[in-house]
Amino acid sequence: MKKQIFTLLAFSAMLAMPLSVQAGVVVGFEFETAGDVESWQHNGSINGGTGGTAQAFAGTGEGVLTGAVLAGNGDLRVLHNPDIALDTSLFTSWDTAELRFRQLDGLNGSPQDLVGTLGLLHFGVNTANPGSDGTIFVREDPNDSEFWYTAVLDISSVGTADITQVRVDPIASTTLGYQIDYVRLNGVPVAAAVPEPTSLAILGLAGLGVAVRRRR
């Protein structure tokens, strides 16, 4: 009898515990559809936001965003400008932005390790607020020759406001190329409903009645 009551109380306590909430993807740019750049474009001293990006497939099969026009662009920025709204019926706030990319050793070159001044590289939202330079770029696997880098940026300060721009500066050169594997914007999901104390009490009494009946 004591064992049954203890088990029931432990189960009720578990139901009363707050549920952990993990970030969920609000919108993800994966670049897996041939020819679809998903509204991303270049913006630099020459291109002026008139295009300049292309969808391609990396040697290992990933769909990527890459550069179709780079020559003469003295300040490359790869931008997504259409507003992105947060569905507040599903998410309570923005959480993080994620990036996976790598540099190429030429405009149509092979993957290489990250080069260039990290302070000139960038990942951010809403005209760089919040944003960070290349010091948050981390090599995914130091032992492979694919040279993928990832970054995770805290964008919780945006709250529930629209994200008006996403910006990536993957290179600081007019002679290098790049491949962006994905950009993902994550939000904090609305927590699942937790049973009310009254419901827990009813459940506990019902379970206790069953335990007593079985004891008799």
N, C-alpha and C. Protein backbone atom coordinates (compact mmCIF):
# COMPACT_ATOMS: atom_id res chain seq x y z
N MET A 1 0.82 -1.20 0.00
CA MET A 1 0.00 0.00 0.00
C MET A 1 0.87 1.26 0.00
N LYS A 2 1.87 1.33 0.89
CA LYS A 2 2.74 2.48 0.96
C LYS A 2 3.49 2.67 -0.36
N LYS A 3 3.91 1.56 -0.95
CA LYS A 3 4.64 1.63 -2.20
C LYS A 3 3.76 2.19 -3.30
N GLN A 4 2.48 1.78 -3.31
CA GLN A 4 1.55 2.26 -4.33
C GLN A 4 1.29 3.75 -4.18
N ILE A 5 1.13 4.19 -2.93
CA ILE A 5 0.89 5.61 -2.69
C ILE A 5 2.10 6.44 -3.09
N PHE A 6 3.29 5.97 -2.78
CA PHE A 6 4.52 6.67 -3.13
C PHE A 6 4.66 6.79 -4.65
N THR A 7 4.35 5.70 -5.34
CA THR A 7 4.44 5.72 -6.80
C THR A 7 3.47 6.71 -7.40
N LEU A 8 2.24 6.75 -6.83
CA LEU A 8 1.23 7.68 -7.31
C LEU A 8 1.65 9.13 -7.08
N LEU A 9 2.19 9.42 -5.91
CA LEU A 9 2.63 10.78 -5.61
C LEU A 9 3.77 11.21 -6.52
N ALA A 10 4.68 10.28 -6.79
CA ALA A 10 5.79 10.59 -7.68
C ALA A 10 5.30 10.89 -9.09
N PHE A 11 4.31 10.12 -9.55
CA PHE A 11 3.74 10.34 -10.87
C PHE A 11 3.04 11.69 -10.94
N SER A 12 2.30 12.05 -9.89
CA SER A 12 1.62 13.34 -9.85
C SER A 12 2.62 14.48 -9.86
N ALA A 13 3.74 14.31 -9.16
CA ALA A 13 4.77 15.35 -9.13
C ALA A 13 5.38 15.54 -10.52
N MET A 14 5.56 14.45 -11.24
CA MET A 14 6.10 14.55 -12.59
C MET A 14 5.16 15.34 -13.49
N LEU A 15 3.85 15.13 -13.34
CA LEU A 15 2.89 15.86 -14.15
C LEU A 15 2.91 17.35 -13.83
N ALA A 16 3.21 17.68 -12.58
CA ALA A 16 3.20 19.07 -12.14
C ALA A 16 4.46 19.81 -12.56
N MET A 17 5.51 19.10 -12.98
CA MET A 17 6.76 19.74 -13.35
C MET A 17 6.57 20.52 -14.64
N PRO A 18 7.20 21.72 -14.77
CA PRO A 18 7.10 22.47 -16.02
C PRO A 18 7.76 21.71 -17.15
N LEU A 19 7.16 21.80 -18.33
CA LEU A 19 7.71 21.10 -19.48
C LEU A 19 8.84 21.92 -20.08
N SER A 20 9.93 21.24 -20.45
CA SER A 20 11.04 21.94 -21.09
C SER A 20 10.64 22.29 -22.52
N VAL A 21 11.05 23.48 -22.97
CA VAL A 21 10.71 23.96 -24.29
C VAL A 21 11.98 24.19 -25.08
N GLN A 22 12.08 23.55 -26.24
CA GLN A 22 13.25 23.71 -27.09
C GLN A 22 12.88 24.60 -28.27
N ALA A 23 13.90 25.27 -28.80
CA ALA A 23 13.66 26.16 -29.93
C ALA A 23 13.18 25.37 -31.13
N GLY A 24 12.30 26.00 -31.91
CA GLY A 24 11.80 25.39 -33.14
C GLY A 24 12.08 26.30 -34.32
N VAL A 25 12.20 25.71 -35.49
CA VAL A 25 12.50 26.48 -36.70
C VAL A 25 11.25 27.24 -37.14
N VAL A 26 11.36 28.57 -37.21
CA VAL A 26 10.28 29.41 -37.72
C VAL A 26 10.32 29.44 -39.24
N VAL A 27 11.50 29.70 -39.78
CA VAL A 27 11.70 29.66 -41.22
C VAL A 27 13.12 29.19 -41.49
N GLY A 28 13.26 28.32 -42.48
CA GLY A 28 14.57 27.80 -42.84
C GLY A 28 14.82 27.98 -44.33
N PHE A 29 15.97 28.49 -44.67
CA PHE A 29 16.40 28.62 -46.06
C PHE A 29 17.41 27.50 -46.32
N GLU A 30 17.01 26.50 -47.08
CA GLU A 30 17.84 25.31 -47.26
C GLU A 30 18.45 25.22 -48.67
N PHE A 31 17.89 25.96 -49.63
CA PHE A 31 18.43 26.05 -50.99
C PHE A 31 18.51 24.69 -51.69
N GLU A 32 17.48 23.87 -51.49
CA GLU A 32 17.47 22.53 -52.06
C GLU A 32 16.73 22.45 -53.41
N THR A 33 16.03 23.52 -53.80
CA THR A 33 15.29 23.51 -55.06
C THR A 33 16.14 24.15 -56.15
N ALA A 34 16.38 23.41 -57.21
CA ALA A 34 17.23 23.89 -58.29
C ALA A 34 16.75 25.23 -58.82
N GLY A 35 17.66 26.19 -58.88
CA GLY A 35 17.37 27.50 -59.44
C GLY A 35 16.68 28.48 -58.51
N ASP A 36 16.33 28.06 -57.29
CA ASP A 36 15.59 28.92 -56.36
C ASP A 36 16.54 29.50 -55.32
N VAL A 37 16.76 30.80 -55.36
CA VAL A 37 17.64 31.47 -54.39
C VAL A 37 16.85 31.95 -53.17
N GLU A 38 15.54 31.70 -53.13
CA GLU A 38 14.69 31.98 -51.97
C GLU A 38 14.77 33.45 -51.53
N SER A 39 14.79 34.34 -52.52
CA SER A 39 14.75 35.81 -52.31
C SER A 39 16.04 36.38 -51.73
N TRP A 40 17.13 35.65 -51.77
CA TRP A 40 18.41 36.18 -51.33
C TRP A 40 19.09 36.88 -52.50
N GLN A 41 19.84 37.94 -52.19
CA GLN A 41 20.55 38.68 -53.23
C GLN A 41 21.83 39.30 -52.68
N HIS A 42 22.68 39.74 -53.62
CA HIS A 42 23.88 40.48 -53.23
C HIS A 42 23.53 41.95 -53.05
N ASN A 43 24.32 42.60 -52.25
CA ASN A 43 24.25 44.05 -52.13
C ASN A 43 25.65 44.52 -51.80
N GLY A 44 26.26 45.21 -52.75
CA GLY A 44 27.62 45.71 -52.53
C GLY A 44 27.84 47.00 -53.28
N SER A 45 29.07 47.42 -53.34
CA SER A 45 29.37 48.71 -53.94
C SER A 45 29.09 48.73 -55.44
N ILE A 46 29.03 47.57 -56.08
CA ILE A 46 28.74 47.50 -57.51
C ILE A 46 27.35 46.93 -57.76
N ASN A 47 27.04 45.79 -57.15
CA ASN A 47 25.79 45.11 -57.46
C ASN A 47 24.56 45.86 -56.98
N GLY A 48 24.66 46.51 -55.83
CA GLY A 48 23.55 47.33 -55.36
C GLY A 48 22.27 46.58 -55.11
N GLY A 49 22.36 45.31 -54.83
CA GLY A 49 21.16 44.55 -54.49
C GLY A 49 20.35 44.12 -55.70
N THR A 50 20.98 44.02 -56.85
CA THR A 50 20.25 43.70 -58.08
C THR A 50 20.28 42.22 -58.42
N GLY A 51 20.67 41.37 -57.51
CA GLY A 51 20.72 39.93 -57.79
C GLY A 51 22.07 39.37 -57.42
N GLY A 52 22.67 38.66 -58.34
CA GLY A 52 24.03 38.20 -58.14
C GLY A 52 24.20 36.91 -57.39
N THR A 53 23.10 36.27 -56.97
CA THR A 53 23.20 34.98 -56.28
C THR A 53 22.70 33.88 -57.20
N ALA A 54 23.06 32.64 -56.85
CA ALA A 54 22.62 31.48 -57.63
C ALA A 54 22.47 30.29 -56.71
N GLN A 55 21.54 29.40 -57.04
CA GLN A 55 21.41 28.14 -56.33
C GLN A 55 22.27 27.11 -57.06
N ALA A 56 22.93 26.25 -56.28
CA ALA A 56 23.77 25.22 -56.87
C ALA A 56 23.77 24.01 -55.94
N PHE A 57 24.46 22.96 -56.36
CA PHE A 57 24.61 21.78 -55.52
C PHE A 57 26.10 21.54 -55.29
N ALA A 58 26.46 21.45 -54.01
CA ALA A 58 27.86 21.22 -53.65
C ALA A 58 28.28 19.81 -54.06
N GLY A 59 29.59 19.57 -54.04
CA GLY A 59 30.10 18.27 -54.44
C GLY A 59 29.59 17.13 -53.60
N THR A 60 29.21 17.42 -52.36
CA THR A 60 28.68 16.38 -51.48
C THR A 60 27.16 16.32 -51.51
N GLY A 61 26.54 17.07 -52.43
CA GLY A 61 25.10 16.95 -52.65
C GLY A 61 24.23 17.98 -51.99
N GLU A 62 24.77 18.81 -51.08
CA GLU A 62 23.95 19.81 -50.42
C GLU A 62 23.52 20.89 -51.41
N GLY A 63 22.25 21.31 -51.31
CA GLY A 63 21.84 22.49 -52.03
C GLY A 63 22.42 23.71 -51.36
N VAL A 64 22.98 24.64 -52.12
CA VAL A 64 23.66 25.79 -51.54
C VAL A 64 23.30 27.06 -52.29
N LEU A 65 23.47 28.19 -51.61
CA LEU A 65 23.42 29.50 -52.24
C LEU A 65 24.85 29.93 -52.51
N THR A 66 25.11 30.38 -53.72
CA THR A 66 26.47 30.77 -54.07
C THR A 66 26.42 32.05 -54.90
N GLY A 67 27.59 32.55 -55.30
CA GLY A 67 27.65 33.81 -56.02
C GLY A 67 27.68 33.62 -57.52
N ALA A 68 26.78 34.30 -58.22
CA ALA A 68 26.81 34.29 -59.67
C ALA A 68 27.62 35.47 -60.20
N VAL A 69 27.64 36.58 -59.46
CA VAL A 69 28.37 37.77 -59.84
C VAL A 69 29.11 38.29 -58.62
N LEU A 70 30.42 38.36 -58.72
CA LEU A 70 31.20 38.89 -57.60
C LEU A 70 32.22 39.93 -58.04
N ALA A 71 32.68 39.84 -59.26
CA ALA A 71 33.78 40.69 -59.71
C ALA A 71 33.43 42.17 -59.53
N GLY A 72 34.36 42.91 -58.92
CA GLY A 72 34.18 44.33 -58.73
C GLY A 72 33.33 44.71 -57.53
N ASN A 73 32.78 43.70 -56.85
CA ASN A 73 31.95 44.01 -55.68
C ASN A 73 32.86 44.21 -54.48
N GLY A 74 33.09 45.47 -54.12
CA GLY A 74 34.05 45.75 -53.08
C GLY A 74 33.56 45.53 -51.66
N ASP A 75 32.26 45.30 -51.48
CA ASP A 75 31.72 45.13 -50.13
C ASP A 75 30.55 44.16 -50.20
N LEU A 76 30.87 42.89 -50.32
CA LEU A 76 29.83 41.88 -50.53
C LEU A 76 28.97 41.72 -49.28
N ARG A 77 27.66 41.80 -49.47
CA ARG A 77 26.69 41.44 -48.44
C ARG A 77 25.65 40.56 -49.11
N VAL A 78 25.34 39.44 -48.50
CA VAL A 78 24.31 38.54 -49.02
C VAL A 78 23.09 38.73 -48.13
N LEU A 79 21.99 39.20 -48.71
CA LEU A 79 20.86 39.68 -47.92
C LEU A 79 19.56 38.97 -48.27
N HIS A 80 18.70 38.81 -47.25
CA HIS A 80 17.30 38.47 -47.44
C HIS A 80 16.51 39.63 -46.87
N ASN A 81 15.83 40.37 -47.73
CA ASN A 81 15.16 41.60 -47.30
C ASN A 81 13.66 41.49 -47.04
N PRO A 82 12.92 40.59 -47.69
CA PRO A 82 11.48 40.53 -47.37
C PRO A 82 11.25 40.29 -45.88
N ASP A 83 10.28 41.01 -45.31
CA ASP A 83 9.98 40.87 -43.88
C ASP A 83 9.58 39.44 -43.54
N ILE A 84 9.98 39.00 -42.34
CA ILE A 84 9.62 37.68 -41.83
C ILE A 84 8.89 37.89 -40.51
N ALA A 85 7.62 37.50 -40.47
CA ALA A 85 6.81 37.68 -39.27
C ALA A 85 6.83 36.43 -38.41
N LEU A 86 6.73 36.63 -37.11
CA LEU A 86 6.67 35.52 -36.16
C LEU A 86 5.21 35.17 -35.90
N ASP A 87 4.87 33.90 -36.04
CA ASP A 87 3.52 33.43 -35.74
C ASP A 87 3.40 33.27 -34.23
N THR A 88 2.77 34.26 -33.58
CA THR A 88 2.72 34.25 -32.12
C THR A 88 1.72 33.24 -31.57
N SER A 89 0.97 32.58 -32.45
CA SER A 89 0.14 31.47 -31.97
C SER A 89 0.96 30.21 -31.77
N LEU A 90 2.16 30.19 -32.34
CA LEU A 90 3.05 29.04 -32.23
C LEU A 90 4.32 29.34 -31.45
N PHE A 91 4.75 30.60 -31.45
CA PHE A 91 6.02 30.98 -30.83
C PHE A 91 5.83 32.22 -29.95
N THR A 92 6.54 32.23 -28.83
CA THR A 92 6.43 33.36 -27.91
C THR A 92 7.44 34.46 -28.22
N SER A 93 8.54 34.12 -28.90
CA SER A 93 9.55 35.12 -29.26
C SER A 93 10.55 34.49 -30.21
N TRP A 94 11.35 35.33 -30.84
CA TRP A 94 12.50 34.83 -31.60
C TRP A 94 13.54 34.29 -30.63
N ASP A 95 14.38 33.37 -31.11
CA ASP A 95 15.37 32.75 -30.23
C ASP A 95 16.79 32.85 -30.80
N THR A 96 17.08 32.12 -31.88
CA THR A 96 18.42 32.13 -32.45
C THR A 96 18.35 32.12 -33.97
N ALA A 97 19.45 32.55 -34.59
CA ALA A 97 19.64 32.40 -36.03
C ALA A 97 20.84 31.49 -36.23
N GLU A 98 20.72 30.56 -37.18
CA GLU A 98 21.80 29.60 -37.45
C GLU A 98 22.27 29.72 -38.89
N LEU A 99 23.56 29.51 -39.08
CA LEU A 99 24.18 29.63 -40.40
C LEU A 99 25.17 28.48 -40.59
N ARG A 100 25.20 27.92 -41.81
CA ARG A 100 26.25 26.96 -42.20
C ARG A 100 26.76 27.36 -43.58
N PHE A 101 28.06 27.57 -43.69
CA PHE A 101 28.62 28.04 -44.95
C PHE A 101 30.09 27.64 -45.04
N ARG A 102 30.67 27.87 -46.21
CA ARG A 102 32.11 27.70 -46.37
C ARG A 102 32.60 28.62 -47.48
N GLN A 103 33.88 28.91 -47.44
CA GLN A 103 34.51 29.72 -48.47
C GLN A 103 35.10 28.81 -49.55
N LEU A 104 35.25 29.40 -50.76
CA LEU A 104 35.92 28.72 -51.86
C LEU A 104 37.19 29.48 -52.21
N ASP A 105 38.17 28.76 -52.75
CA ASP A 105 39.46 29.41 -53.03
C ASP A 105 39.46 30.19 -54.35
N GLY A 106 38.32 30.30 -54.97
CA GLY A 106 38.15 31.09 -56.18
C GLY A 106 36.67 31.31 -56.41
N LEU A 107 36.30 32.10 -57.42
CA LEU A 107 34.89 32.38 -57.64
C LEU A 107 34.11 31.10 -57.91
N ASN A 108 34.71 30.14 -58.56
CA ASN A 108 34.10 28.82 -58.76
C ASN A 108 35.08 27.75 -58.29
N GLY A 109 35.72 28.01 -57.14
CA GLY A 109 36.82 27.18 -56.70
C GLY A 109 36.44 26.03 -55.81
N SER A 110 37.44 25.53 -55.10
CA SER A 110 37.28 24.41 -54.18
C SER A 110 37.18 24.94 -52.76
N PRO A 111 36.56 24.15 -51.84
CA PRO A 111 36.46 24.59 -50.45
C PRO A 111 37.84 24.83 -49.84
N GLN A 112 37.92 25.83 -48.97
CA GLN A 112 39.16 26.13 -48.28
C GLN A 112 38.85 26.55 -46.86
N ASP A 113 39.88 26.54 -46.02
CA ASP A 113 39.71 27.03 -44.65
C ASP A 113 39.44 28.53 -44.68
N LEU A 114 38.84 29.01 -43.61
CA LEU A 114 38.42 30.40 -43.54
C LEU A 114 39.61 31.33 -43.62
N VAL A 115 39.53 32.31 -44.52
CA VAL A 115 40.58 33.32 -44.64
C VAL A 115 39.93 34.70 -44.60
N GLY A 116 40.76 35.70 -44.37
CA GLY A 116 40.24 37.06 -44.31
C GLY A 116 40.10 37.53 -42.87
N THR A 117 40.01 38.82 -42.71
CA THR A 117 39.87 39.42 -41.39
C THR A 117 38.49 39.10 -40.83
N LEU A 118 38.46 38.46 -39.67
CA LEU A 118 37.17 38.06 -39.10
C LEU A 118 36.26 39.26 -38.83
N GLY A 119 36.85 40.40 -38.57
CA GLY A 119 36.06 41.58 -38.31
C GLY A 119 35.29 42.07 -39.54
N LEU A 120 35.69 41.60 -40.74
CA LEU A 120 35.00 42.00 -41.96
C LEU A 120 33.93 41.00 -42.37
N LEU A 121 33.90 39.84 -41.71
CA LEU A 121 32.86 38.87 -41.96
C LEU A 121 31.70 39.15 -41.00
N HIS A 122 30.49 38.67 -41.36
CA HIS A 122 29.34 39.11 -40.57
C HIS A 122 28.18 38.14 -40.69
N PHE A 123 27.37 38.09 -39.61
CA PHE A 123 26.09 37.37 -39.60
C PHE A 123 25.16 38.14 -38.68
N GLY A 124 24.00 38.55 -39.19
CA GLY A 124 23.11 39.33 -38.34
C GLY A 124 21.73 39.49 -38.96
N VAL A 125 20.84 40.10 -38.19
CA VAL A 125 19.49 40.40 -38.65
C VAL A 125 19.20 41.86 -38.38
N ASN A 126 18.19 42.40 -39.09
CA ASN A 126 17.71 43.77 -38.86
C ASN A 126 18.84 44.78 -38.85
N THR A 127 19.51 44.90 -39.99
CA THR A 127 20.63 45.84 -40.17
C THR A 127 21.65 45.70 -39.04
N ALA A 128 22.03 44.46 -38.79
CA ALA A 128 23.12 44.11 -37.87
C ALA A 128 22.78 44.34 -36.40
N ASN A 129 21.52 44.38 -36.07
CA ASN A 129 21.14 44.56 -34.66
C ASN A 129 20.00 43.60 -34.32
N PRO A 130 20.29 42.42 -33.76
CA PRO A 130 21.61 41.94 -33.33
C PRO A 130 22.42 41.37 -34.49
N GLY A 131 23.74 41.34 -34.27
CA GLY A 131 24.64 40.79 -35.26
C GLY A 131 26.01 40.56 -34.65
N SER A 132 26.88 39.89 -35.41
CA SER A 132 28.23 39.61 -34.92
C SER A 132 29.16 39.51 -36.11
N ASP A 133 30.44 39.73 -35.84
CA ASP A 133 31.43 39.52 -36.89
C ASP A 133 31.81 38.03 -36.94
N GLY A 134 32.86 37.73 -37.70
CA GLY A 134 33.23 36.34 -37.94
C GLY A 134 33.81 35.59 -36.76
N THR A 135 33.93 36.25 -35.62
CA THR A 135 34.47 35.54 -34.45
C THR A 135 33.52 34.47 -33.94
N ILE A 136 32.25 34.47 -34.37
CA ILE A 136 31.33 33.42 -33.93
C ILE A 136 31.29 32.24 -34.91
N PHE A 137 32.05 32.32 -36.01
CA PHE A 137 32.10 31.21 -36.96
C PHE A 137 32.98 30.10 -36.42
N VAL A 138 32.46 28.89 -36.38
CA VAL A 138 33.18 27.74 -35.81
C VAL A 138 33.27 26.65 -36.86
N ARG A 139 34.47 26.13 -37.06
CA ARG A 139 34.64 25.06 -38.04
C ARG A 139 33.95 23.80 -37.53
N GLU A 140 33.12 23.21 -38.38
CA GLU A 140 32.28 22.09 -37.99
C GLU A 140 33.10 20.86 -37.62
N ASP A 141 34.07 20.53 -38.43
CA ASP A 141 34.93 19.36 -38.15
C ASP A 141 36.35 19.73 -38.55
N PRO A 142 37.23 19.98 -37.58
CA PRO A 142 38.60 20.41 -37.89
C PRO A 142 39.40 19.36 -38.66
N ASN A 143 38.90 18.14 -38.72
CA ASN A 143 39.68 17.06 -39.34
C ASN A 143 39.26 16.72 -40.77
N ASP A 144 38.19 17.35 -41.26
CA ASP A 144 37.79 17.02 -42.62
C ASP A 144 38.25 18.11 -43.59
N SER A 145 38.07 17.85 -44.87
CA SER A 145 38.52 18.80 -45.90
C SER A 145 37.33 19.48 -46.58
N GLU A 146 36.16 19.43 -45.92
CA GLU A 146 34.99 20.10 -46.47
C GLU A 146 34.91 21.56 -46.03
N PHE A 147 35.52 21.87 -44.89
CA PHE A 147 35.67 23.24 -44.41
C PHE A 147 34.33 23.96 -44.17
N TRP A 148 33.33 23.24 -43.68
CA TRP A 148 32.07 23.89 -43.33
C TRP A 148 32.23 24.62 -41.99
N TYR A 149 31.66 25.80 -41.93
CA TYR A 149 31.62 26.60 -40.70
C TYR A 149 30.17 26.84 -40.31
N THR A 150 29.92 26.91 -39.00
CA THR A 150 28.58 27.19 -38.50
C THR A 150 28.64 28.38 -37.55
N ALA A 151 27.48 28.98 -37.34
CA ALA A 151 27.36 30.07 -36.38
C ALA A 151 25.96 30.05 -35.80
N VAL A 152 25.86 30.39 -34.53
CA VAL A 152 24.57 30.53 -33.85
C VAL A 152 24.54 31.91 -33.21
N LEU A 153 23.53 32.68 -33.57
CA LEU A 153 23.41 34.06 -33.11
C LEU A 153 22.15 34.21 -32.26
N ASP A 154 22.27 34.81 -31.10
CA ASP A 154 21.13 35.08 -30.22
C ASP A 154 20.34 36.27 -30.79
N ILE A 155 19.07 36.02 -31.17
CA ILE A 155 18.23 37.10 -31.69
C ILE A 155 17.01 37.32 -30.80
N SER A 156 17.09 36.86 -29.56
CA SER A 156 15.94 36.98 -28.66
C SER A 156 15.56 38.43 -28.39
N SER A 157 16.51 39.37 -28.55
CA SER A 157 16.21 40.77 -28.29
C SER A 157 15.21 41.35 -29.30
N VAL A 158 14.99 40.65 -30.41
CA VAL A 158 14.01 41.10 -31.39
C VAL A 158 12.59 40.93 -30.84
N GLY A 159 12.43 40.04 -29.86
CA GLY A 159 11.12 39.80 -29.27
C GLY A 159 10.18 39.14 -30.26
N THR A 160 9.05 39.78 -30.52
CA THR A 160 8.08 39.25 -31.47
C THR A 160 7.97 40.13 -32.72
N ALA A 161 8.86 41.10 -32.85
CA ALA A 161 8.81 42.01 -34.00
C ALA A 161 9.21 41.28 -35.28
N ASP A 162 8.85 41.86 -36.41
CA ASP A 162 9.25 41.29 -37.69
C ASP A 162 10.77 41.36 -37.85
N ILE A 163 11.32 40.35 -38.50
CA ILE A 163 12.72 40.42 -38.94
C ILE A 163 12.70 41.00 -40.35
N THR A 164 13.29 42.17 -40.50
CA THR A 164 13.21 42.91 -41.76
C THR A 164 14.38 42.62 -42.69
N GLN A 165 15.43 42.01 -42.15
CA GLN A 165 16.58 41.69 -43.00
C GLN A 165 17.44 40.62 -42.32
N VAL A 166 17.97 39.71 -43.11
CA VAL A 166 18.99 38.77 -42.65
C VAL A 166 20.22 39.00 -43.52
N ARG A 167 21.38 39.10 -42.89
CA ARG A 167 22.60 39.45 -43.62
C ARG A 167 23.73 38.48 -43.29
N VAL A 168 24.42 38.04 -44.34
CA VAL A 168 25.61 37.21 -44.20
C VAL A 168 26.72 37.83 -45.04
N ASP A 169 27.87 38.07 -44.44
CA ASP A 169 29.07 38.46 -45.18
C ASP A 169 30.03 37.27 -45.11
N PRO A 170 29.99 36.35 -46.10
CA PRO A 170 30.77 35.11 -45.99
C PRO A 170 32.22 35.26 -46.43
N ILE A 171 32.54 36.31 -47.16
CA ILE A 171 33.91 36.53 -47.63
C ILE A 171 34.23 38.01 -47.53
N ALA A 172 35.51 38.33 -47.54
CA ALA A 172 35.95 39.73 -47.56
C ALA A 172 36.93 39.88 -48.72
N SER A 173 36.46 39.53 -49.91
CA SER A 173 37.34 39.48 -51.08
C SER A 173 36.50 39.53 -52.35
N THR A 174 37.10 40.03 -53.43
CA THR A 174 36.44 39.99 -54.73
C THR A 174 36.92 38.81 -55.57
N THR A 175 37.80 37.98 -55.02
CA THR A 175 38.34 36.86 -55.79
C THR A 175 37.97 35.50 -55.21
N LEU A 176 37.32 35.48 -54.06
CA LEU A 176 36.91 34.22 -53.44
C LEU A 176 35.43 33.97 -53.70
N GLY A 177 35.04 32.70 -53.62
CA GLY A 177 33.63 32.34 -53.70
C GLY A 177 33.15 31.82 -52.36
N TYR A 178 31.88 31.46 -52.31
CA TYR A 178 31.30 30.96 -51.07
C TYR A 178 30.14 30.03 -51.39
N GLN A 179 29.75 29.23 -50.42
CA GLN A 179 28.55 28.40 -50.49
C GLN A 179 27.86 28.47 -49.14
N ILE A 180 26.59 28.87 -49.14
CA ILE A 180 25.79 28.89 -47.91
C ILE A 180 24.86 27.69 -47.95
N ASP A 181 25.01 26.78 -47.00
CA ASP A 181 24.21 25.55 -46.96
C ASP A 181 22.81 25.84 -46.42
N TYR A 182 22.73 26.60 -45.33
CA TYR A 182 21.41 26.96 -44.79
C TYR A 182 21.51 28.19 -43.90
N VAL A 183 20.38 28.86 -43.77
CA VAL A 183 20.15 29.89 -42.75
C VAL A 183 18.81 29.55 -42.11
N ARG A 184 18.77 29.45 -40.79
CA ARG A 184 17.54 29.10 -40.07
C ARG A 184 17.28 30.12 -38.98
N LEU A 185 16.03 30.53 -38.89
CA LEU A 185 15.60 31.44 -37.83
C LEU A 185 14.70 30.66 -36.89
N ASN A 186 15.07 30.60 -35.63
CA ASN A 186 14.38 29.79 -34.64
C ASN A 186 13.60 30.65 -33.65
N GLY A 187 12.51 30.07 -33.14
CA GLY A 187 11.71 30.76 -32.13
C GLY A 187 11.47 29.87 -30.92
N VAL A 188 11.00 30.48 -29.85
CA VAL A 188 10.65 29.75 -28.63
C VAL A 188 9.19 29.32 -28.75
N PRO A 189 8.91 28.02 -28.84
CA PRO A 189 7.52 27.58 -29.03
C PRO A 189 6.65 27.90 -27.80
N VAL A 190 5.37 28.08 -28.08
CA VAL A 190 4.41 28.21 -26.99
C VAL A 190 4.42 26.91 -26.20
N ALA A 191 4.52 26.99 -24.86
CA ALA A 191 4.64 25.80 -24.03
C ALA A 191 3.36 24.98 -24.10
N ALA A 192 3.53 23.65 -24.05
CA ALA A 192 2.37 22.76 -24.00
C ALA A 192 1.63 22.98 -22.69
N ALA A 193 0.33 22.75 -22.71
CA ALA A 193 -0.48 22.96 -21.52
C ALA A 193 -0.05 22.05 -20.39
N VAL A 194 0.05 22.62 -19.17
CA VAL A 194 0.41 21.85 -17.97
C VAL A 194 -0.87 21.60 -17.17
N PRO A 195 -1.11 20.39 -16.69
CA PRO A 195 -2.35 20.11 -15.94
C PRO A 195 -2.51 21.05 -14.75
N GLU A 196 -3.74 21.54 -14.52
CA GLU A 196 -4.02 22.42 -13.39
C GLU A 196 -3.95 21.64 -12.09
N PRO A 197 -3.67 22.33 -10.96
CA PRO A 197 -3.62 21.65 -9.66
C PRO A 197 -4.89 20.88 -9.34
N THR A 198 -6.06 21.42 -9.72
CA THR A 198 -7.31 20.72 -9.45
C THR A 198 -7.35 19.39 -10.19
N SER A 199 -6.90 19.41 -11.45
CA SER A 199 -6.89 18.17 -12.23
C SER A 199 -5.94 17.16 -11.62
N LEU A 200 -4.80 17.65 -11.13
CA LEU A 200 -3.84 16.74 -10.49
C LEU A 200 -4.43 16.14 -9.23
N ALA A 201 -5.16 16.95 -8.46
CA ALA A 201 -5.75 16.43 -7.22
C ALA A 201 -6.78 15.36 -7.51
N ILE A 202 -7.60 15.59 -8.52
CA ILE A 202 -8.61 14.59 -8.89
C ILE A 202 -7.93 13.30 -9.33
N LEU A 203 -6.87 13.46 -10.15
CA LEU A 203 -6.14 12.28 -10.61
C LEU A 203 -5.54 11.53 -9.43
N GLY A 204 -4.98 12.28 -8.47
CA GLY A 204 -4.38 11.63 -7.31
C GLY A 204 -5.40 10.89 -6.48
N LEU A 205 -6.56 11.50 -6.23
CA LEU A 205 -7.59 10.84 -5.44
C LEU A 205 -8.14 9.60 -6.14
N ALA A 206 -8.30 9.70 -7.45
CA ALA A 206 -8.79 8.55 -8.21
C ALA A 206 -7.79 7.40 -8.13
N GLY A 207 -6.52 7.74 -8.28
CA GLY A 207 -5.50 6.71 -8.21
C GLY A 207 -5.41 6.11 -6.82
N LEU A 208 -5.58 6.96 -5.78
CA LEU A 208 -5.53 6.46 -4.41
C LEU A 208 -6.69 5.50 -4.14
N GLY A 209 -7.89 5.84 -4.71
CA GLY A 209 -9.03 4.95 -4.55
C GLY A 209 -8.79 3.60 -5.17
N VAL A 210 -8.16 3.60 -6.34
CA VAL A 210 -7.83 2.34 -7.00
C VAL A 210 -6.87 1.53 -6.15
N ALA A 211 -5.85 2.24 -5.59
CA ALA A 211 -4.86 1.53 -4.77
C ALA A 211 -5.51 0.91 -3.54
N VAL A 212 -6.42 1.67 -2.86
CA VAL A 212 -7.08 1.13 -1.67
C VAL A 212 -7.95 -0.06 -2.03
N ARG A 213 -8.68 0.04 -3.14
CA ARG A 213 -9.57 -1.05 -3.56
C ARG A 213 -8.77 -2.33 -3.82
N ARG A 214 -7.58 -2.13 -4.49
CA ARG A 214 -6.76 -3.31 -4.76
C ARG A 214 -6.20 -3.90 -3.45
N ARG A 215 -5.91 -3.04 -2.49
CA ARG A 215 -5.36 -3.50 -1.21
C ARG A 215 -6.38 -4.37 -0.48
N ARG A 216 -7.69 -3.99 -0.55
CA ARG A 216 -8.72 -4.75 0.11
C ARG A 216 -8.92 -6.09 -0.58
